[in-house]
């Protein structure tokens, strides 16, 4: 290893830190997707609740922390647009999650990373022998995805 690529990690700890950062980023993406899916669900509930109402009926909507009075006719299209926007963001985040999973899988292959099982699982698998390949062992992080 006379010449090393400056972008390549130098030791195992750097590899582990990079791997954990990538997994943390993937977990953040999944958390944001979940949060936005709940928002989209709430928007659907509102849409379903006000759609059958008279279009001229008074309706209240929170805009920037201020409750404003509008009519159903004014609020319904805005809520539908917001829901569509949220769904587009969810789709983009799902694409980002797929890319991040592939990036993590490539990183695992490149550095021969294996996830260490929890203590209870290690006892169950103690009869199995590991191969002689060298690699980096990483403990379990928040999620397996």
N, C-alpha and C. Protein backbone atom coordinates (compact mmCIF):
# COMPACT_ATOMS: atom_id res chain seq x y z
N UNK A 1 0.82 -1.19 0.00
CA UNK A 1 0.00 0.00 0.00
C UNK A 1 0.87 1.25 0.00
N UNK A 2 1.71 1.36 -0.98
CA UNK A 2 2.58 2.52 -1.07
C UNK A 2 1.78 3.76 -1.42
N UNK A 3 0.88 3.64 -2.39
CA UNK A 3 0.03 4.77 -2.78
C UNK A 3 -1.41 4.45 -2.45
N UNK A 4 -2.02 5.28 -1.64
CA UNK A 4 -3.42 5.09 -1.29
C UNK A 4 -4.23 6.24 -1.88
N UNK A 5 -5.41 5.92 -2.35
CA UNK A 5 -6.32 6.94 -2.86
C UNK A 5 -6.71 7.84 -1.69
N UNK A 6 -6.60 9.16 -1.83
CA UNK A 6 -6.92 10.04 -0.70
C UNK A 6 -8.36 9.90 -0.21
N UNK A 7 -9.26 9.40 -1.05
CA UNK A 7 -10.65 9.23 -0.64
C UNK A 7 -10.87 7.92 0.11
N UNK A 8 -9.89 7.03 0.07
CA UNK A 8 -10.02 5.72 0.72
C UNK A 8 -9.76 5.85 2.22
N UNK A 9 -10.58 5.17 3.04
CA UNK A 9 -10.33 5.18 4.49
C UNK A 9 -9.00 4.51 4.81
N UNK A 10 -8.35 5.00 5.85
CA UNK A 10 -7.02 4.52 6.20
C UNK A 10 -7.09 3.31 7.13
N UNK A 11 -7.99 3.32 8.10
CA UNK A 11 -8.04 2.21 9.04
C UNK A 11 -9.48 1.75 9.26
N UNK A 12 -9.62 0.71 10.05
CA UNK A 12 -10.93 0.12 10.29
C UNK A 12 -11.89 1.08 10.99
N UNK A 13 -11.38 1.88 11.91
CA UNK A 13 -12.25 2.79 12.64
C UNK A 13 -12.88 3.82 11.71
N UNK A 14 -12.12 4.29 10.74
CA UNK A 14 -12.66 5.24 9.77
C UNK A 14 -13.75 4.56 8.94
N UNK A 15 -13.51 3.32 8.54
CA UNK A 15 -14.50 2.56 7.77
C UNK A 15 -15.77 2.39 8.59
N UNK A 16 -15.63 2.02 9.85
CA UNK A 16 -16.79 1.82 10.72
C UNK A 16 -17.56 3.13 10.89
N UNK A 17 -16.84 4.22 11.09
CA UNK A 17 -17.50 5.53 11.25
C UNK A 17 -18.26 5.92 9.99
N UNK A 18 -17.64 5.71 8.83
CA UNK A 18 -18.31 6.02 7.57
C UNK A 18 -19.56 5.16 7.39
N UNK A 19 -19.44 3.87 7.72
CA UNK A 19 -20.55 2.94 7.58
C UNK A 19 -21.70 3.34 8.51
N UNK A 20 -21.38 3.66 9.76
CA UNK A 20 -22.41 4.07 10.71
C UNK A 20 -23.08 5.38 10.28
N UNK A 21 -22.31 6.30 9.70
CA UNK A 21 -22.89 7.56 9.21
C UNK A 21 -23.86 7.29 8.06
N UNK A 22 -23.49 6.38 7.17
CA UNK A 22 -24.38 6.04 6.05
C UNK A 22 -25.66 5.39 6.56
N UNK A 23 -25.55 4.51 7.55
CA UNK A 23 -26.75 3.86 8.11
C UNK A 23 -27.61 4.88 8.84
N UNK A 24 -26.99 5.81 9.54
CA UNK A 24 -27.75 6.85 10.24
C UNK A 24 -28.51 7.72 9.24
N UNK A 25 -27.87 8.03 8.12
CA UNK A 25 -28.53 8.82 7.09
C UNK A 25 -29.73 8.07 6.52
N UNK A 26 -29.57 6.76 6.31
CA UNK A 26 -30.68 5.95 5.81
C UNK A 26 -31.82 5.93 6.83
N UNK A 27 -31.49 5.82 8.10
CA UNK A 27 -32.53 5.85 9.14
C UNK A 27 -33.26 7.19 9.16
N UNK A 28 -32.53 8.29 8.94
CA UNK A 28 -33.16 9.60 8.89
C UNK A 28 -34.12 9.70 7.71
N UNK A 29 -33.73 9.14 6.57
CA UNK A 29 -34.60 9.15 5.40
C UNK A 29 -35.89 8.38 5.71
N UNK A 30 -35.74 7.19 6.32
CA UNK A 30 -36.92 6.40 6.67
C UNK A 30 -37.81 7.14 7.67
N UNK A 31 -37.22 7.81 8.63
CA UNK A 31 -38.00 8.58 9.60
C UNK A 31 -38.79 9.70 8.93
N UNK A 32 -38.14 10.39 8.01
CA UNK A 32 -38.82 11.48 7.30
C UNK A 32 -39.94 10.94 6.43
N UNK A 33 -39.73 9.80 5.79
CA UNK A 33 -40.78 9.18 4.97
C UNK A 33 -41.98 8.85 5.85
N UNK A 34 -41.74 8.27 7.01
CA UNK A 34 -42.82 7.92 7.93
C UNK A 34 -43.58 9.17 8.37
N UNK A 35 -42.85 10.22 8.70
CA UNK A 35 -43.48 11.47 9.14
C UNK A 35 -44.35 12.05 8.02
N UNK A 36 -43.83 12.06 6.80
CA UNK A 36 -44.60 12.62 5.68
C UNK A 36 -45.80 11.75 5.32
N UNK A 37 -45.66 10.43 5.48
CA UNK A 37 -46.81 9.55 5.22
C UNK A 37 -47.93 9.83 6.22
N UNK A 38 -47.58 10.14 7.47
CA UNK A 38 -48.60 10.49 8.45
C UNK A 38 -49.27 11.82 8.07
N UNK A 39 -48.47 12.78 7.60
CA UNK A 39 -49.03 14.06 7.15
C UNK A 39 -49.99 13.85 5.97
N UNK A 40 -49.60 13.02 5.02
CA UNK A 40 -50.45 12.75 3.86
C UNK A 40 -51.75 12.08 4.30
N UNK A 41 -51.65 11.20 5.29
CA UNK A 41 -52.84 10.53 5.82
C UNK A 41 -53.78 11.55 6.47
N UNK A 42 -53.21 12.50 7.22
CA UNK A 42 -54.03 13.55 7.84
C UNK A 42 -54.69 14.42 6.79
N UNK A 43 -53.95 14.73 5.73
CA UNK A 43 -54.54 15.52 4.64
C UNK A 43 -55.72 14.76 4.01
N UNK A 44 -55.55 13.44 3.84
CA UNK A 44 -56.65 12.63 3.27
C UNK A 44 -57.87 12.67 4.17
N UNK A 45 -57.66 12.59 5.47
CA UNK A 45 -58.79 12.66 6.41
C UNK A 45 -59.53 14.00 6.28
N UNK A 46 -58.77 15.08 6.18
CA UNK A 46 -59.38 16.40 6.05
C UNK A 46 -60.15 16.49 4.74
N UNK A 47 -59.55 16.04 3.66
CA UNK A 47 -60.20 16.07 2.34
C UNK A 47 -61.51 15.29 2.38
N UNK A 48 -61.46 14.09 2.94
CA UNK A 48 -62.67 13.25 3.02
C UNK A 48 -63.74 13.88 3.91
N UNK A 49 -63.32 14.64 4.92
CA UNK A 49 -64.28 15.25 5.84
C UNK A 49 -64.96 16.48 5.23
N UNK A 50 -64.23 17.26 4.46
CA UNK A 50 -64.83 18.51 3.96
C UNK A 50 -65.37 18.42 2.53
N UNK A 51 -65.04 17.36 1.79
CA UNK A 51 -65.51 17.23 0.42
C UNK A 51 -67.04 17.25 0.31
N UNK A 52 -67.76 16.50 1.13
CA UNK A 52 -69.21 16.47 0.96
C UNK A 52 -69.92 17.73 1.47
N UNK A 53 -69.21 18.62 2.12
CA UNK A 53 -69.84 19.80 2.70
C UNK A 53 -70.19 20.83 1.62
N UNK A 54 -71.09 21.74 1.98
CA UNK A 54 -71.47 22.85 1.11
C UNK A 54 -70.22 23.70 0.83
N UNK A 55 -69.99 24.06 -0.42
CA UNK A 55 -68.80 24.80 -0.82
C UNK A 55 -68.71 26.19 -0.19
N UNK A 56 -69.84 26.76 0.21
CA UNK A 56 -69.82 28.10 0.79
C UNK A 56 -69.71 28.07 2.32
N UNK A 57 -69.65 26.90 2.90
CA UNK A 57 -69.57 26.77 4.36
C UNK A 57 -68.24 27.31 4.87
N UNK A 58 -68.29 27.91 6.06
CA UNK A 58 -67.07 28.42 6.69
C UNK A 58 -66.14 27.26 7.04
N UNK A 59 -64.86 27.52 6.89
CA UNK A 59 -63.85 26.50 7.16
C UNK A 59 -62.63 27.22 7.73
N UNK A 60 -61.98 26.63 8.70
CA UNK A 60 -60.81 27.25 9.31
C UNK A 60 -59.57 26.45 8.91
N UNK A 61 -58.50 27.18 8.63
CA UNK A 61 -57.26 26.54 8.19
C UNK A 61 -56.09 27.22 8.88
N UNK A 62 -55.12 26.41 9.28
CA UNK A 62 -53.91 26.93 9.92
C UNK A 62 -52.90 27.27 8.84
N UNK A 63 -52.51 28.54 8.79
CA UNK A 63 -51.50 28.99 7.82
C UNK A 63 -50.39 29.69 8.59
N UNK A 64 -49.23 29.06 8.60
CA UNK A 64 -48.08 29.66 9.29
C UNK A 64 -48.33 29.92 10.76
N UNK A 65 -49.06 29.04 11.42
CA UNK A 65 -49.32 29.19 12.84
C UNK A 65 -50.48 30.11 13.15
N UNK A 66 -51.17 30.61 12.12
CA UNK A 66 -52.31 31.50 12.32
C UNK A 66 -53.56 30.82 11.78
N UNK A 67 -54.60 30.78 12.57
CA UNK A 67 -55.85 30.18 12.15
C UNK A 67 -56.65 31.22 11.37
N UNK A 68 -56.95 30.88 10.10
CA UNK A 68 -57.69 31.83 9.26
C UNK A 68 -59.02 31.23 8.83
N UNK A 69 -59.99 32.11 8.63
CA UNK A 69 -61.31 31.66 8.21
C UNK A 69 -61.41 31.76 6.70
N UNK A 70 -61.82 30.68 6.08
CA UNK A 70 -62.01 30.60 4.64
C UNK A 70 -63.29 29.82 4.38
N UNK A 71 -63.55 29.55 3.12
CA UNK A 71 -64.69 28.69 2.78
C UNK A 71 -64.14 27.33 2.34
N UNK A 72 -65.00 26.34 2.34
CA UNK A 72 -64.60 25.00 1.90
C UNK A 72 -64.09 25.08 0.47
N UNK A 73 -64.72 25.90 -0.35
CA UNK A 73 -64.33 26.06 -1.76
C UNK A 73 -62.88 26.53 -1.88
N UNK A 74 -62.42 27.37 -0.96
CA UNK A 74 -61.04 27.88 -1.00
C UNK A 74 -60.05 26.90 -0.38
N UNK A 75 -60.47 26.21 0.65
CA UNK A 75 -59.56 25.35 1.40
C UNK A 75 -59.32 24.01 0.71
N UNK A 76 -60.34 23.40 0.17
CA UNK A 76 -60.23 22.05 -0.40
C UNK A 76 -59.15 21.94 -1.47
N UNK A 77 -59.10 22.84 -2.47
CA UNK A 77 -58.03 22.72 -3.48
C UNK A 77 -56.63 22.89 -2.88
N UNK A 78 -56.50 23.77 -1.90
CA UNK A 78 -55.19 23.99 -1.27
C UNK A 78 -54.72 22.74 -0.52
N UNK A 79 -55.63 22.11 0.19
CA UNK A 79 -55.28 20.90 0.93
C UNK A 79 -54.93 19.77 -0.04
N UNK A 80 -55.67 19.68 -1.14
CA UNK A 80 -55.36 18.66 -2.14
C UNK A 80 -53.99 18.90 -2.78
N UNK A 81 -53.66 20.15 -3.07
CA UNK A 81 -52.33 20.47 -3.63
C UNK A 81 -51.23 20.12 -2.63
N UNK A 82 -51.46 20.45 -1.37
CA UNK A 82 -50.46 20.12 -0.33
C UNK A 82 -50.24 18.62 -0.25
N UNK A 83 -51.33 17.86 -0.31
CA UNK A 83 -51.22 16.39 -0.24
C UNK A 83 -50.43 15.86 -1.43
N UNK A 84 -50.70 16.38 -2.62
CA UNK A 84 -49.97 15.94 -3.81
C UNK A 84 -48.48 16.27 -3.68
N UNK A 85 -48.18 17.46 -3.15
CA UNK A 85 -46.78 17.84 -2.93
C UNK A 85 -46.09 16.91 -1.95
N UNK A 86 -46.79 16.56 -0.88
CA UNK A 86 -46.23 15.64 0.11
C UNK A 86 -45.96 14.28 -0.53
N UNK A 87 -46.89 13.81 -1.35
CA UNK A 87 -46.72 12.51 -2.01
C UNK A 87 -45.53 12.53 -2.97
N UNK A 88 -45.29 13.66 -3.65
CA UNK A 88 -44.12 13.77 -4.53
C UNK A 88 -42.83 13.70 -3.72
N UNK A 89 -42.81 14.37 -2.58
CA UNK A 89 -41.62 14.35 -1.72
C UNK A 89 -41.38 12.93 -1.20
N UNK A 90 -42.44 12.23 -0.84
CA UNK A 90 -42.31 10.85 -0.37
C UNK A 90 -41.70 9.98 -1.47
N UNK A 91 -42.16 10.18 -2.70
CA UNK A 91 -41.62 9.39 -3.83
C UNK A 91 -40.13 9.67 -4.00
N UNK A 92 -39.72 10.95 -3.92
CA UNK A 92 -38.30 11.28 -4.06
C UNK A 92 -37.48 10.70 -2.91
N UNK A 93 -38.03 10.74 -1.70
CA UNK A 93 -37.31 10.17 -0.55
C UNK A 93 -37.18 8.65 -0.68
N UNK A 94 -38.21 8.00 -1.22
CA UNK A 94 -38.12 6.55 -1.44
C UNK A 94 -37.01 6.23 -2.43
N UNK A 95 -36.88 7.05 -3.49
CA UNK A 95 -35.79 6.86 -4.45
C UNK A 95 -34.44 7.06 -3.77
N UNK A 96 -34.35 8.08 -2.93
CA UNK A 96 -33.10 8.35 -2.21
C UNK A 96 -32.75 7.19 -1.28
N UNK A 97 -33.78 6.60 -0.65
CA UNK A 97 -33.54 5.46 0.26
C UNK A 97 -33.01 4.26 -0.52
N UNK A 98 -33.57 4.02 -1.71
CA UNK A 98 -33.10 2.90 -2.53
C UNK A 98 -31.64 3.12 -2.93
N UNK A 99 -31.30 4.35 -3.33
CA UNK A 99 -29.91 4.66 -3.70
C UNK A 99 -28.98 4.48 -2.51
N UNK A 100 -29.43 4.94 -1.33
CA UNK A 100 -28.59 4.83 -0.14
C UNK A 100 -28.39 3.37 0.25
N UNK A 101 -29.44 2.54 0.11
CA UNK A 101 -29.30 1.11 0.41
C UNK A 101 -28.28 0.47 -0.51
N UNK A 102 -28.31 0.83 -1.80
CA UNK A 102 -27.35 0.29 -2.75
C UNK A 102 -25.94 0.75 -2.40
N UNK A 103 -25.81 2.02 -2.03
CA UNK A 103 -24.51 2.56 -1.64
C UNK A 103 -23.97 1.81 -0.42
N UNK A 104 -24.84 1.54 0.54
CA UNK A 104 -24.42 0.80 1.74
C UNK A 104 -24.02 -0.62 1.38
N UNK A 105 -24.81 -1.27 0.51
CA UNK A 105 -24.48 -2.64 0.09
C UNK A 105 -23.13 -2.68 -0.63
N UNK A 106 -22.87 -1.70 -1.51
CA UNK A 106 -21.58 -1.63 -2.20
C UNK A 106 -20.44 -1.42 -1.21
N UNK A 107 -20.68 -0.57 -0.22
CA UNK A 107 -19.68 -0.30 0.81
C UNK A 107 -19.40 -1.56 1.62
N UNK A 108 -20.47 -2.31 1.95
CA UNK A 108 -20.30 -3.57 2.68
C UNK A 108 -19.48 -4.56 1.87
N UNK A 109 -19.76 -4.65 0.58
CA UNK A 109 -19.00 -5.57 -0.28
C UNK A 109 -17.53 -5.15 -0.39
N UNK A 110 -17.31 -3.85 -0.58
CA UNK A 110 -15.96 -3.35 -0.78
C UNK A 110 -15.08 -3.61 0.44
N UNK A 111 -15.63 -3.39 1.65
CA UNK A 111 -14.83 -3.54 2.86
C UNK A 111 -15.15 -4.84 3.63
N UNK A 112 -15.92 -5.73 2.99
CA UNK A 112 -16.26 -7.02 3.59
C UNK A 112 -16.84 -6.85 4.99
N UNK A 113 -17.83 -5.97 5.07
CA UNK A 113 -18.45 -5.67 6.36
C UNK A 113 -19.53 -6.70 6.65
N UNK A 114 -19.50 -7.23 7.87
CA UNK A 114 -20.53 -8.16 8.34
C UNK A 114 -21.11 -7.56 9.60
N UNK A 115 -22.41 -7.68 9.74
CA UNK A 115 -23.07 -7.15 10.93
C UNK A 115 -22.98 -8.19 12.04
N UNK A 116 -22.47 -7.76 13.18
CA UNK A 116 -22.38 -8.64 14.34
C UNK A 116 -23.77 -8.79 14.93
N UNK A 117 -24.14 -10.02 15.25
CA UNK A 117 -25.47 -10.26 15.81
C UNK A 117 -25.50 -9.90 17.29
N UNK A 118 -26.70 -9.68 17.80
CA UNK A 118 -26.87 -9.40 19.23
C UNK A 118 -26.42 -10.61 20.04
N UNK A 119 -26.13 -10.41 21.33
CA UNK A 119 -25.58 -11.48 22.17
C UNK A 119 -26.45 -12.73 22.17
N UNK A 120 -27.76 -12.60 22.23
CA UNK A 120 -28.63 -13.77 22.27
C UNK A 120 -28.57 -14.55 20.96
N UNK A 121 -28.40 -13.85 19.85
CA UNK A 121 -28.31 -14.52 18.56
C UNK A 121 -26.95 -15.17 18.37
N UNK A 122 -25.89 -14.60 18.96
CA UNK A 122 -24.56 -15.16 18.83
C UNK A 122 -24.50 -16.53 19.49
N UNK A 123 -25.16 -16.71 20.63
CA UNK A 123 -25.17 -17.99 21.33
C UNK A 123 -25.83 -19.06 20.48
N UNK A 124 -26.89 -18.70 19.75
CA UNK A 124 -27.59 -19.65 18.90
C UNK A 124 -26.73 -20.09 17.72
N UNK A 125 -25.89 -19.21 17.21
CA UNK A 125 -25.09 -19.49 16.03
C UNK A 125 -23.66 -19.89 16.37
N UNK A 126 -23.37 -20.19 17.62
CA UNK A 126 -22.00 -20.47 18.02
C UNK A 126 -21.44 -21.74 17.38
N UNK A 127 -22.30 -22.64 16.92
CA UNK A 127 -21.82 -23.88 16.31
C UNK A 127 -21.34 -23.66 14.88
N UNK A 128 -21.70 -22.54 14.27
CA UNK A 128 -21.30 -22.26 12.89
C UNK A 128 -19.89 -21.68 12.88
N UNK A 129 -19.10 -22.08 11.88
CA UNK A 129 -17.73 -21.58 11.74
C UNK A 129 -17.71 -20.43 10.74
N UNK A 130 -16.90 -19.42 11.03
CA UNK A 130 -16.72 -18.30 10.12
C UNK A 130 -15.60 -18.63 9.14
N UNK A 131 -15.67 -18.06 7.94
CA UNK A 131 -14.61 -18.24 6.95
C UNK A 131 -13.38 -17.46 7.36
N UNK A 132 -12.30 -17.63 6.62
CA UNK A 132 -11.05 -16.98 6.98
C UNK A 132 -10.89 -15.62 6.32
N UNK A 133 -11.93 -15.11 5.65
CA UNK A 133 -11.81 -13.82 4.96
C UNK A 133 -11.67 -12.68 5.98
N UNK A 134 -10.88 -11.70 5.63
CA UNK A 134 -10.68 -10.53 6.49
C UNK A 134 -11.78 -9.54 6.19
N UNK A 135 -12.22 -8.81 7.21
CA UNK A 135 -13.25 -7.80 7.01
C UNK A 135 -13.45 -7.00 8.27
N UNK A 136 -14.38 -6.09 8.21
CA UNK A 136 -14.69 -5.21 9.33
C UNK A 136 -16.00 -5.68 9.95
N UNK A 137 -16.02 -5.83 11.26
CA UNK A 137 -17.24 -6.19 11.96
C UNK A 137 -17.85 -4.93 12.53
N UNK A 138 -19.17 -4.80 12.36
CA UNK A 138 -19.88 -3.63 12.85
C UNK A 138 -21.04 -4.11 13.69
N UNK A 139 -21.22 -3.51 14.87
CA UNK A 139 -22.33 -3.87 15.75
C UNK A 139 -23.66 -3.40 15.17
N UNK A 140 -24.76 -3.90 15.73
CA UNK A 140 -26.06 -3.52 15.20
C UNK A 140 -26.33 -2.03 15.43
N UNK A 141 -26.91 -1.41 14.40
CA UNK A 141 -27.32 -0.01 14.50
C UNK A 141 -28.83 0.00 14.65
N UNK A 142 -29.43 1.17 14.73
CA UNK A 142 -30.86 1.33 15.00
C UNK A 142 -31.77 0.42 14.20
N UNK A 143 -31.50 0.20 12.92
CA UNK A 143 -32.41 -0.56 12.07
C UNK A 143 -31.59 -1.43 11.14
N UNK A 144 -32.18 -2.52 10.65
CA UNK A 144 -31.46 -3.41 9.76
C UNK A 144 -31.56 -2.94 8.32
N UNK A 145 -32.29 -1.86 8.04
CA UNK A 145 -32.39 -1.37 6.67
C UNK A 145 -31.50 -0.18 6.48
